[in-house]
């Protein structure tokens, strides 16, 4: 019975991978660069988009977004208020987006009007790791308020991401979080990962991250 479970799991991942590859081809054909944003609820994924969109528009870059959530449209409303093409993607009960849901979400967007697409994943530090979506890069964001052991508790999340953000750095002294430990843990699980420290309430640290994103 255990062998059957493993077989089914492998099939699910294989199907997801093939659809993710198709999504990547579709995005590339329209000249869209896509970024999968990962992190826990409250880490700052939506706030990151809110900070980046005005700066990108100033550069002449046309952003768009897919807002992933289990239920509701709170993040979608915040993103839509930025005046960019956006679509709400509810998973129903799944704790992650998958490539098939992103495929359908892309059908609801005019990709010819988008240069850079944010795919905001469901707030979870475990489930999304194995489900690629077709994005060019994966960005993981954690906050100081999650504790400085948050990285060490979720190694697979960091091994699979390209860029890392430590947010709410201003609150680190208040919660006793060691930012140096968080950053060194990120690089321990992903040597060479570029890590950025931000305070998205004020915008501190956002421009260096944007430059890395646009490279």
C-alpha atoms as a PDB file:
ATOM      1  CA  UNK A   1       0.000   0.000   0.000  1.00  0.00           C
ATOM      2  CA  UNK A   2       2.851   2.347   0.811  1.00  0.00           C
ATOM      3  CA  UNK A   3       4.305   1.750  -2.670  1.00  0.00           C
ATOM      4  CA  UNK A   4       1.005   2.814  -4.250  1.00  0.00           C
ATOM      5  CA  UNK A   5       0.978   6.050  -2.219  1.00  0.00           C
ATOM      6  CA  UNK A   6       4.478   6.885  -3.396  1.00  0.00           C
ATOM      7  CA  UNK A   7       3.549   6.147  -7.002  1.00  0.00           C
ATOM      8  CA  UNK A   8       0.505   8.424  -6.863  1.00  0.00           C
ATOM      9  CA  UNK A   9       2.574  11.206  -5.295  1.00  0.00           C
ATOM     10  CA  UNK A  10       5.193  10.929  -8.028  1.00  0.00           C
ATOM     11  CA  UNK A  11       2.492  11.076 -10.713  1.00  0.00           C
ATOM     12  CA  UNK A  12       1.052  14.256  -9.176  1.00  0.00           C
ATOM     13  CA  UNK A  13       4.470  15.925  -9.153  1.00  0.00           C
ATOM     14  CA  UNK A  14       5.234  14.805 -12.710  1.00  0.00           C
ATOM     15  CA  UNK A  15       1.955  16.175 -14.046  1.00  0.00           C
ATOM     16  CA  UNK A  16       2.499  19.439 -12.179  1.00  0.00           C
ATOM     17  CA  UNK A  17       6.027  19.735 -13.559  1.00  0.00           C
ATOM     18  CA  UNK A  18       4.830  19.276 -17.157  1.00  0.00           C
ATOM     19  CA  UNK A  19       2.144  21.946 -16.749  1.00  0.00           C
ATOM     20  CA  UNK A  20       4.682  24.271 -15.088  1.00  0.00           C
ATOM     21  CA  UNK A  21       6.974  23.854 -18.090  1.00  0.00           C
ATOM     22  CA  UNK A  22       4.048  24.685 -20.373  1.00  0.00           C
ATOM     23  CA  UNK A  23       3.288  27.790 -18.288  1.00  0.00           C
ATOM     24  CA  UNK A  24       6.921  28.868 -18.593  1.00  0.00           C
ATOM     25  CA  UNK A  25       6.785  28.515 -22.382  1.00  0.00           C
ATOM     26  CA  UNK A  26       3.539  30.483 -22.519  1.00  0.00           C
ATOM     27  CA  UNK A  27       4.975  33.301 -20.416  1.00  0.00           C
ATOM     28  CA  UNK A  28       8.162  33.422 -22.461  1.00  0.00           C
ATOM     29  CA  UNK A  29       6.204  33.543 -25.702  1.00  0.00           C
ATOM     30  CA  UNK A  30       4.503  36.705 -24.438  1.00  0.00           C
ATOM     31  CA  UNK A  31       7.727  38.198 -23.102  1.00  0.00           C
ATOM     32  CA  UNK A  32       6.588  37.982 -19.480  1.00  0.00           C
ATOM     33  CA  UNK A  33       9.010  37.453 -16.595  1.00  0.00           C
ATOM     34  CA  UNK A  34       7.259  35.714 -13.692  1.00  0.00           C
ATOM     35  CA  UNK A  35       8.237  35.451 -10.032  1.00  0.00           C
ATOM     36  CA  UNK A  36       6.756  33.047  -7.482  1.00  0.00           C
ATOM     37  CA  UNK A  37       6.474  34.782  -4.082  1.00  0.00           C
ATOM     38  CA  UNK A  38       6.550  32.414  -1.113  1.00  0.00           C
ATOM     39  CA  UNK A  39       6.230  32.953   2.612  1.00  0.00           C
ATOM     40  CA  UNK A  40       4.016  32.567   5.640  1.00  0.00           C
ATOM     41  CA  UNK A  41       0.814  34.507   6.247  1.00  0.00           C
ATOM     42  CA  UNK A  42       1.770  38.011   7.333  1.00  0.00           C
ATOM     43  CA  UNK A  43       5.379  37.815   6.152  1.00  0.00           C
ATOM     44  CA  UNK A  44       4.837  40.663   3.698  1.00  0.00           C
ATOM     45  CA  UNK A  45       4.204  39.136   0.261  1.00  0.00           C
ATOM     46  CA  UNK A  46       1.384  41.524  -0.646  1.00  0.00           C
ATOM     47  CA  UNK A  47       3.213  44.473   0.911  1.00  0.00           C
ATOM     48  CA  UNK A  48       6.209  43.604  -1.273  1.00  0.00           C
ATOM     49  CA  UNK A  49       4.043  43.855  -4.390  1.00  0.00           C
ATOM     50  CA  UNK A  50       2.573  47.135  -3.152  1.00  0.00           C
ATOM     51  CA  UNK A  51       6.059  48.603  -2.751  1.00  0.00           C
ATOM     52  CA  UNK A  52       7.408  47.281  -6.050  1.00  0.00           C
ATOM     53  CA  UNK A  53       4.563  48.216  -8.401  1.00  0.00           C
ATOM     54  CA  UNK A  54       5.002  52.032  -8.291  1.00  0.00           C
ATOM     55  CA  UNK A  55       8.769  51.677  -8.712  1.00  0.00           C
ATOM     56  CA  UNK A  56       8.357  49.312 -11.644  1.00  0.00           C
ATOM     57  CA  UNK A  57       5.869  51.633 -13.307  1.00  0.00           C
ATOM     58  CA  UNK A  58       8.407  54.465 -13.023  1.00  0.00           C
ATOM     59  CA  UNK A  59      10.835  52.225 -14.939  1.00  0.00           C
ATOM     60  CA  UNK A  60       8.277  51.641 -17.674  1.00  0.00           C
ATOM     61  CA  UNK A  61       7.766  48.031 -16.571  1.00  0.00           C
ATOM     62  CA  UNK A  62       4.154  46.835 -16.715  1.00  0.00           C
ATOM     63  CA  UNK A  63       3.401  44.601 -13.693  1.00  0.00           C
ATOM     64  CA  UNK A  64       0.595  42.093 -13.211  1.00  0.00           C
ATOM     65  CA  UNK A  65      -0.258  39.643 -10.465  1.00  0.00           C
ATOM     66  CA  UNK A  66      -1.974  36.418  -9.494  1.00  0.00           C
ATOM     67  CA  UNK A  67      -3.146  36.511  -5.867  1.00  0.00           C
ATOM     68  CA  UNK A  68      -3.206  33.027  -4.389  1.00  0.00           C
ATOM     69  CA  UNK A  69      -5.237  32.295  -1.264  1.00  0.00           C
ATOM     70  CA  UNK A  70      -7.137  29.384   0.196  1.00  0.00           C
ATOM     71  CA  UNK A  71     -10.259  31.542   0.423  1.00  0.00           C
ATOM     72  CA  UNK A  72     -11.303  35.159   0.080  1.00  0.00           C
ATOM     73  CA  UNK A  73     -10.023  38.107  -1.919  1.00  0.00           C
ATOM     74  CA  UNK A  74      -8.362  40.393   0.646  1.00  0.00           C
ATOM     75  CA  UNK A  75      -4.934  40.327  -1.017  1.00  0.00           C
ATOM     76  CA  UNK A  76      -6.492  40.512  -4.483  1.00  0.00           C
ATOM     77  CA  UNK A  77      -8.321  43.732  -3.547  1.00  0.00           C
ATOM     78  CA  UNK A  78      -5.110  45.306  -2.290  1.00  0.00           C
ATOM     79  CA  UNK A  79      -3.292  44.381  -5.488  1.00  0.00           C
ATOM     80  CA  UNK A  80      -6.159  45.424  -7.772  1.00  0.00           C
ATOM     81  CA  UNK A  81      -6.161  48.833  -6.060  1.00  0.00           C
ATOM     82  CA  UNK A  82      -2.666  49.355  -7.502  1.00  0.00           C
ATOM     83  CA  UNK A  83      -4.223  49.626 -10.962  1.00  0.00           C
ATOM     84  CA  UNK A  84      -2.550  46.588 -12.494  1.00  0.00           C
ATOM     85  CA  UNK A  85      -3.963  43.493 -14.218  1.00  0.00           C
ATOM     86  CA  UNK A  86      -4.675  40.946 -11.488  1.00  0.00           C
ATOM     87  CA  UNK A  87      -6.634  37.777 -10.901  1.00  0.00           C
ATOM     88  CA  UNK A  88      -7.726  36.034  -7.718  1.00  0.00           C
ATOM     89  CA  UNK A  89      -6.817  32.343  -7.423  1.00  0.00           C
ATOM     90  CA  UNK A  90      -8.517  30.491  -4.572  1.00  0.00           C
ATOM     91  CA  UNK A  91      -7.340  26.957  -3.893  1.00  0.00           C
ATOM     92  CA  UNK A  92     -10.430  25.990  -1.861  1.00  0.00           C
ATOM     93  CA  UNK A  93      -8.654  23.775   0.641  1.00  0.00           C
ATOM     94  CA  UNK A  94      -5.159  23.259  -0.744  1.00  0.00           C
ATOM     95  CA  UNK A  95      -2.320  25.022   1.075  1.00  0.00           C
ATOM     96  CA  UNK A  96      -0.442  25.919  -2.136  1.00  0.00           C
ATOM     97  CA  UNK A  97      -0.932  27.014  -5.710  1.00  0.00           C
ATOM     98  CA  UNK A  98      -0.265  24.409  -8.373  1.00  0.00           C
ATOM     99  CA  UNK A  99       0.683  24.752 -12.019  1.00  0.00           C
ATOM    100  CA  UNK A 100      -2.805  23.827 -13.243  1.00  0.00           C
ATOM    101  CA  UNK A 101      -4.463  26.636 -11.265  1.00  0.00           C
ATOM    102  CA  UNK A 102      -1.844  29.082 -12.513  1.00  0.00           C
ATOM    103  CA  UNK A 103      -2.456  27.858 -16.073  1.00  0.00           C
ATOM    104  CA  UNK A 104      -6.137  28.786 -15.751  1.00  0.00           C
ATOM    105  CA  UNK A 105      -5.258  32.078 -14.082  1.00  0.00           C
ATOM    106  CA  UNK A 106      -3.030  33.012 -17.015  1.00  0.00           C
ATOM    107  CA  UNK A 107      -6.003  32.499 -19.329  1.00  0.00           C
ATOM    108  CA  UNK A 108      -7.760  35.302 -17.459  1.00  0.00           C
ATOM    109  CA  UNK A 109      -4.918  37.780 -17.989  1.00  0.00           C
ATOM    110  CA  UNK A 110      -3.920  39.678 -21.135  1.00  0.00           C
ATOM    111  CA  UNK A 111      -0.259  38.676 -21.093  1.00  0.00           C
ATOM    112  CA  UNK A 112       0.543  41.101 -23.904  1.00  0.00           C
ATOM    113  CA  UNK A 113      -0.148  43.927 -21.430  1.00  0.00           C
ATOM    114  CA  UNK A 114       2.227  42.547 -18.782  1.00  0.00           C
ATOM    115  CA  UNK A 115       6.029  42.591 -18.607  1.00  0.00           C
ATOM    116  CA  UNK A 116       6.493  41.215 -15.089  1.00  0.00           C
ATOM    117  CA  UNK A 117       4.083  38.895 -13.287  1.00  0.00           C
ATOM    118  CA  UNK A 118       3.989  38.320  -9.549  1.00  0.00           C
ATOM    119  CA  UNK A 119       2.517  34.985  -8.500  1.00  0.00           C
ATOM    120  CA  UNK A 120       1.712  35.387  -4.821  1.00  0.00           C
ATOM    121  CA  UNK A 121       1.512  31.888  -3.388  1.00  0.00           C
ATOM    122  CA  UNK A 122      -0.660  30.767  -0.487  1.00  0.00           C
ATOM    123  CA  UNK A 123       0.777  31.730   2.898  1.00  0.00           C
ATOM    124  CA  UNK A 124       2.564  28.546   3.918  1.00  0.00           C
ATOM    125  CA  UNK A 125       6.195  27.574   4.500  1.00  0.00           C
ATOM    126  CA  UNK A 126       5.867  23.873   3.644  1.00  0.00           C
ATOM    127  CA  UNK A 127       3.238  22.964   1.038  1.00  0.00           C
ATOM    128  CA  UNK A 128       4.351  25.133  -1.930  1.00  0.00           C
ATOM    129  CA  UNK A 129       7.922  23.832  -2.021  1.00  0.00           C
ATOM    130  CA  UNK A 130       7.304  20.853  -4.339  1.00  0.00           C
ATOM    131  CA  UNK A 131       4.906  22.571  -6.740  1.00  0.00           C
ATOM    132  CA  UNK A 132       6.682  24.619  -9.381  1.00  0.00           C
ATOM    133  CA  UNK A 133       4.416  27.014 -11.269  1.00  0.00           C
ATOM    134  CA  UNK A 134       6.439  28.023 -14.306  1.00  0.00           C
ATOM    135  CA  UNK A 135       7.989  31.148 -12.798  1.00  0.00           C
ATOM    136  CA  UNK A 136      11.462  32.311 -13.750  1.00  0.00           C
ATOM    137  CA  UNK A 137      12.535  32.634 -10.110  1.00  0.00           C
ATOM    138  CA  UNK A 138      11.201  31.905  -6.647  1.00  0.00           C
ATOM    139  CA  UNK A 139      11.400  34.507  -3.902  1.00  0.00           C
ATOM    140  CA  UNK A 140      10.960  33.585  -0.232  1.00  0.00           C
ATOM    141  CA  UNK A 141      10.108  36.229   2.340  1.00  0.00           C
ATOM    142  CA  UNK A 142      10.228  35.763   6.107  1.00  0.00           C
ATOM    143  CA  UNK A 143       9.719  38.322   8.848  1.00  0.00           C
ATOM    144  CA  UNK A 144      11.698  38.917  12.003  1.00  0.00           C
ATOM    145  CA  UNK A 145       8.478  38.470  13.976  1.00  0.00           C
ATOM    146  CA  UNK A 146       8.355  34.798  12.963  1.00  0.00           C
ATOM    147  CA  UNK A 147      11.433  34.195  15.110  1.00  0.00           C
ATOM    148  CA  UNK A 148      15.043  33.712  14.105  1.00  0.00           C
ATOM    149  CA  UNK A 149      14.616  29.936  13.955  1.00  0.00           C
ATOM    150  CA  UNK A 150      12.022  30.104  11.158  1.00  0.00           C
ATOM    151  CA  UNK A 151      14.592  29.396   8.446  1.00  0.00           C
ATOM    152  CA  UNK A 152      16.095  26.433  10.256  1.00  0.00           C
ATOM    153  CA  UNK A 153      12.616  24.931  10.676  1.00  0.00           C
ATOM    154  CA  UNK A 154      11.838  25.064   6.929  1.00  0.00           C
ATOM    155  CA  UNK A 155      15.013  24.074   5.056  1.00  0.00           C
ATOM    156  CA  UNK A 156      13.302  22.821   1.884  1.00  0.00           C
ATOM    157  CA  UNK A 157      11.648  26.193   1.302  1.00  0.00           C
ATOM    158  CA  UNK A 158      15.016  27.940   1.133  1.00  0.00           C
ATOM    159  CA  UNK A 159      16.797  25.273  -0.897  1.00  0.00           C
ATOM    160  CA  UNK A 160      14.296  25.808  -3.691  1.00  0.00           C
ATOM    161  CA  UNK A 161      14.306  29.612  -3.822  1.00  0.00           C
ATOM    162  CA  UNK A 162      16.563  32.048  -5.680  1.00  0.00           C
ATOM    163  CA  UNK A 163      16.176  35.252  -3.662  1.00  0.00           C
ATOM    164  CA  UNK A 164      15.482  35.732   0.048  1.00  0.00           C
ATOM    165  CA  UNK A 165      14.008  38.623   2.013  1.00  0.00           C
ATOM    166  CA  UNK A 166      14.032  39.200   5.758  1.00  0.00           C
ATOM    167  CA  UNK A 167      11.215  41.666   6.411  1.00  0.00           C
ATOM    168  CA  UNK A 168      10.144  43.699   9.454  1.00  0.00           C
ATOM    169  CA  UNK A 169      13.774  44.193  10.445  1.00  0.00           C
ATOM    170  CA  UNK A 170      12.755  47.172  12.597  1.00  0.00           C
ATOM    171  CA  UNK A 171      10.887  44.787  14.910  1.00  0.00           C
ATOM    172  CA  UNK A 172      13.817  42.401  15.402  1.00  0.00           C
ATOM    173  CA  UNK A 173      15.015  44.027  18.666  1.00  0.00           C
ATOM    174  CA  UNK A 174      11.479  43.959  20.063  1.00  0.00           C
ATOM    175  CA  UNK A 175      11.043  40.222  19.523  1.00  0.00           C
ATOM    176  CA  UNK A 176      14.663  39.248  20.169  1.00  0.00           C
ATOM    177  CA  UNK A 177      15.272  38.006  16.633  1.00  0.00           C
ATOM    178  CA  UNK A 178      18.888  37.601  15.482  1.00  0.00           C
ATOM    179  CA  UNK A 179      18.941  38.788  11.862  1.00  0.00           C
ATOM    180  CA  UNK A 180      22.482  37.525  11.353  1.00  0.00           C
ATOM    181  CA  UNK A 181      21.375  34.020  12.273  1.00  0.00           C
ATOM    182  CA  UNK A 182      18.411  34.189   9.869  1.00  0.00           C
ATOM    183  CA  UNK A 183      20.630  35.309   7.016  1.00  0.00           C
ATOM    184  CA  UNK A 184      23.349  32.739   7.700  1.00  0.00           C
ATOM    185  CA  UNK A 185      20.725  29.971   7.905  1.00  0.00           C
ATOM    186  CA  UNK A 186      19.395  31.007   4.493  1.00  0.00           C
ATOM    187  CA  UNK A 187      22.857  30.747   2.984  1.00  0.00           C
ATOM    188  CA  UNK A 188      23.536  27.483   4.799  1.00  0.00           C
ATOM    189  CA  UNK A 189      20.577  25.865   3.057  1.00  0.00           C
ATOM    190  CA  UNK A 190      21.175  27.688  -0.214  1.00  0.00           C
ATOM    191  CA  UNK A 191      24.811  28.779  -0.612  1.00  0.00           C
ATOM    192  CA  UNK A 192      25.034  31.882  -2.746  1.00  0.00           C
ATOM    193  CA  UNK A 193      21.437  32.958  -2.142  1.00  0.00           C
ATOM    194  CA  UNK A 194      21.093  36.724  -2.319  1.00  0.00           C
ATOM    195  CA  UNK A 195      19.433  37.927   0.861  1.00  0.00           C
ATOM    196  CA  UNK A 196      17.846  41.341   1.396  1.00  0.00           C
ATOM    197  CA  UNK A 197      16.626  43.025   4.563  1.00  0.00           C
ATOM    198  CA  UNK A 198      13.521  45.168   4.339  1.00  0.00           C
ATOM    199  CA  UNK A 199      11.031  47.205   6.291  1.00  0.00           C
ATOM    200  CA  UNK A 200       8.118  47.247   3.886  1.00  0.00           C
ATOM    201  CA  UNK A 201       6.186  49.686   6.076  1.00  0.00           C
ATOM    202  CA  UNK A 202       8.709  52.376   5.160  1.00  0.00           C
ATOM    203  CA  UNK A 203      10.124  50.927   1.946  1.00  0.00           C
ATOM    204  CA  UNK A 204      13.585  50.457   3.439  1.00  0.00           C
ATOM    205  CA  UNK A 205      15.648  47.993   1.394  1.00  0.00           C
ATOM    206  CA  UNK A 206      13.186  47.662  -1.466  1.00  0.00           C
ATOM    207  CA  UNK A 207      15.293  49.226  -4.226  1.00  0.00           C
ATOM    208  CA  UNK A 208      18.302  46.876  -3.926  1.00  0.00           C
ATOM    209  CA  UNK A 209      15.888  43.951  -4.044  1.00  0.00           C
ATOM    210  CA  UNK A 210      14.155  45.352  -7.135  1.00  0.00           C
ATOM    211  CA  UNK A 211      17.498  45.702  -8.911  1.00  0.00           C
ATOM    212  CA  UNK A 212      18.253  42.041  -8.224  1.00  0.00           C
ATOM    213  CA  UNK A 213      14.799  41.057  -9.441  1.00  0.00           C
ATOM    214  CA  UNK A 214      15.239  42.910 -12.732  1.00  0.00           C
ATOM    215  CA  UNK A 215      18.709  41.552 -13.494  1.00  0.00           C
END
